[in-house]
Every structure is written in structure tokens, then in C-alpha cells.
Amino acid sequence: MMYWGNGISGWGYFLMALNMVLFWGVLVGGIVLLVRYMGGERRPRAVGSDPQRLLAERYARGEIDDEEYQRRLGALRDSGQLTHS
């Protein structure tokens, strides 16, 4: 039987290594996505969130300043949307 060359060249080794990395990357990525989908952390979504609590959270995170917080809190009181808690 006649052979061409003397075995696998550098390109052959490179392609085999690339295929191995791609195979394991797809396999591990698929498992991670499956685990996240099947058993991921489920957070309950608040449908009717308390406006005062949301406003206080934004103030605590620094998204709004003291003046803006007081102005919006007053607007909630005026509109009657404020809960007594």
C-alpha cells in the first residue's frame, strides 16, 4: 500500500486540538445552560409592588437624591397610593 507523506502534519494536530476544544466547550456549555434552565434560581416577581418600598430602595441605592425622594414621596401621599406600614 502506498502512503502519502509520513503521518499527520502540524495542521492535522492543530485541527484535532481545535475540534477537541470545540467539542468540550459545546458539551460543558450545554450542560451549564441545561442546569440553569432546569434548576435555576427562581425569584418571585412582584406584580403589585409597594411604591413606597420601591422608592426607598432607589433612594438607598443612590439612584435618587434626598430632594427627589422627598418630592416623590409627597406625590405618592397626595395621590393616595401610599400604604400605611
Protein backbone atom coordinates (compact mmCIF):
# COMPACT_ATOMS: atom_id res chain seq x y z
CA MET A 1 0.00 0.00 0.00
CA MET A 2 1.29 3.47 -0.80
CA TYR A 3 1.28 6.29 1.71
CA TRP A 4 1.44 9.99 1.05
CA GLY A 5 3.78 11.73 3.44
CA ASN A 6 4.94 10.37 6.76
CA GLY A 7 1.96 10.80 9.09
CA ILE A 8 -0.01 13.69 10.44
CA SER A 9 1.43 17.11 9.78
CA GLY A 10 1.28 20.13 12.09
CA TRP A 11 -2.07 21.16 10.59
CA GLY A 12 -3.55 17.78 11.47
CA TYR A 13 -2.56 18.14 15.11
CA PHE A 14 -3.88 21.70 15.16
CA LEU A 15 -7.25 20.68 13.72
CA MET A 16 -7.56 17.76 16.13
CA ALA A 17 -6.83 20.05 19.09
CA LEU A 18 -9.30 22.65 17.80
CA ASN A 19 -12.01 20.00 17.39
CA MET A 20 -11.36 18.72 20.91
CA VAL A 21 -11.65 22.22 22.42
CA LEU A 22 -14.83 22.93 20.45
CA PHE A 23 -16.36 19.59 21.44
CA TRP A 24 -15.70 20.06 25.15
CA GLY A 25 -16.74 23.71 25.03
CA VAL A 26 -20.09 22.87 23.45
CA LEU A 27 -20.61 19.95 25.83
CA VAL A 28 -19.83 21.93 29.00
CA GLY A 29 -21.75 24.99 27.75
CA GLY A 30 -24.78 22.83 27.01
CA ILE A 31 -24.68 21.27 30.46
CA VAL A 32 -24.38 24.69 32.12
CA LEU A 33 -27.33 26.05 30.13
CA LEU A 34 -29.39 22.96 30.92
CA VAL A 35 -28.66 23.23 34.65
CA ARG A 36 -29.51 26.95 34.65
CA TYR A 37 -32.75 26.28 32.78
CA MET A 38 -33.86 23.29 34.84
CA GLY A 39 -32.78 24.20 38.35
CA GLY A 40 -32.01 27.86 38.18
CA GLU A 41 -32.82 30.24 40.98
CA ARG A 42 -36.44 31.22 40.73
CA ARG A 43 -37.29 34.65 42.07
CA PRO A 44 -40.91 35.57 42.59
CA ARG A 45 -41.87 38.56 40.51
CA ALA A 46 -43.70 41.26 42.40
CA VAL A 47 -46.78 42.16 40.43
CA GLY A 48 -48.18 44.90 42.63
CA SER A 49 -45.06 46.20 44.37
CA ASP A 50 -45.41 48.78 47.10
CA PRO A 51 -44.48 52.17 45.57
CA GLN A 52 -43.06 53.48 48.85
CA ARG A 53 -40.77 50.45 49.18
CA LEU A 54 -39.57 50.79 45.61
CA LEU A 55 -38.90 54.47 46.14
CA ALA A 56 -36.98 53.72 49.35
CA GLU A 57 -34.90 51.08 47.55
CA ARG A 58 -33.97 53.54 44.79
CA TYR A 59 -33.01 56.10 47.44
CA ALA A 60 -30.91 53.52 49.31
CA ARG A 61 -29.07 52.54 46.12
CA GLY A 62 -28.28 56.20 45.47
CA GLU A 63 -30.28 56.41 42.24
CA ILE A 64 -32.15 59.47 43.54
CA ASP A 65 -31.08 62.16 45.98
CA ASP A 66 -32.82 63.35 49.17
CA GLU A 67 -34.73 66.14 47.44
CA GLU A 68 -36.05 63.84 44.72
CA TYR A 69 -37.00 61.21 47.32
CA GLN A 70 -38.99 63.73 49.38
CA ARG A 71 -40.69 65.15 46.27
CA ARG A 72 -41.78 61.73 45.02
CA LEU A 73 -42.84 60.60 48.49
CA GLY A 74 -45.03 63.71 48.75
CA ALA A 75 -46.53 62.97 45.34
CA LEU A 76 -47.38 59.44 46.50
CA ARG A 77 -49.07 60.80 49.61
CA ASP A 78 -51.08 63.30 47.57
CA SER A 79 -52.26 60.64 45.13
CA GLY A 80 -53.32 58.27 47.89
CA GLN A 81 -51.04 55.43 46.71
CA LEU A 82 -49.08 55.29 49.94
CA THR A 83 -49.63 52.31 52.19
CA HIS A 84 -49.65 52.70 55.96
CA SER A 85 -46.88 50.37 57.07
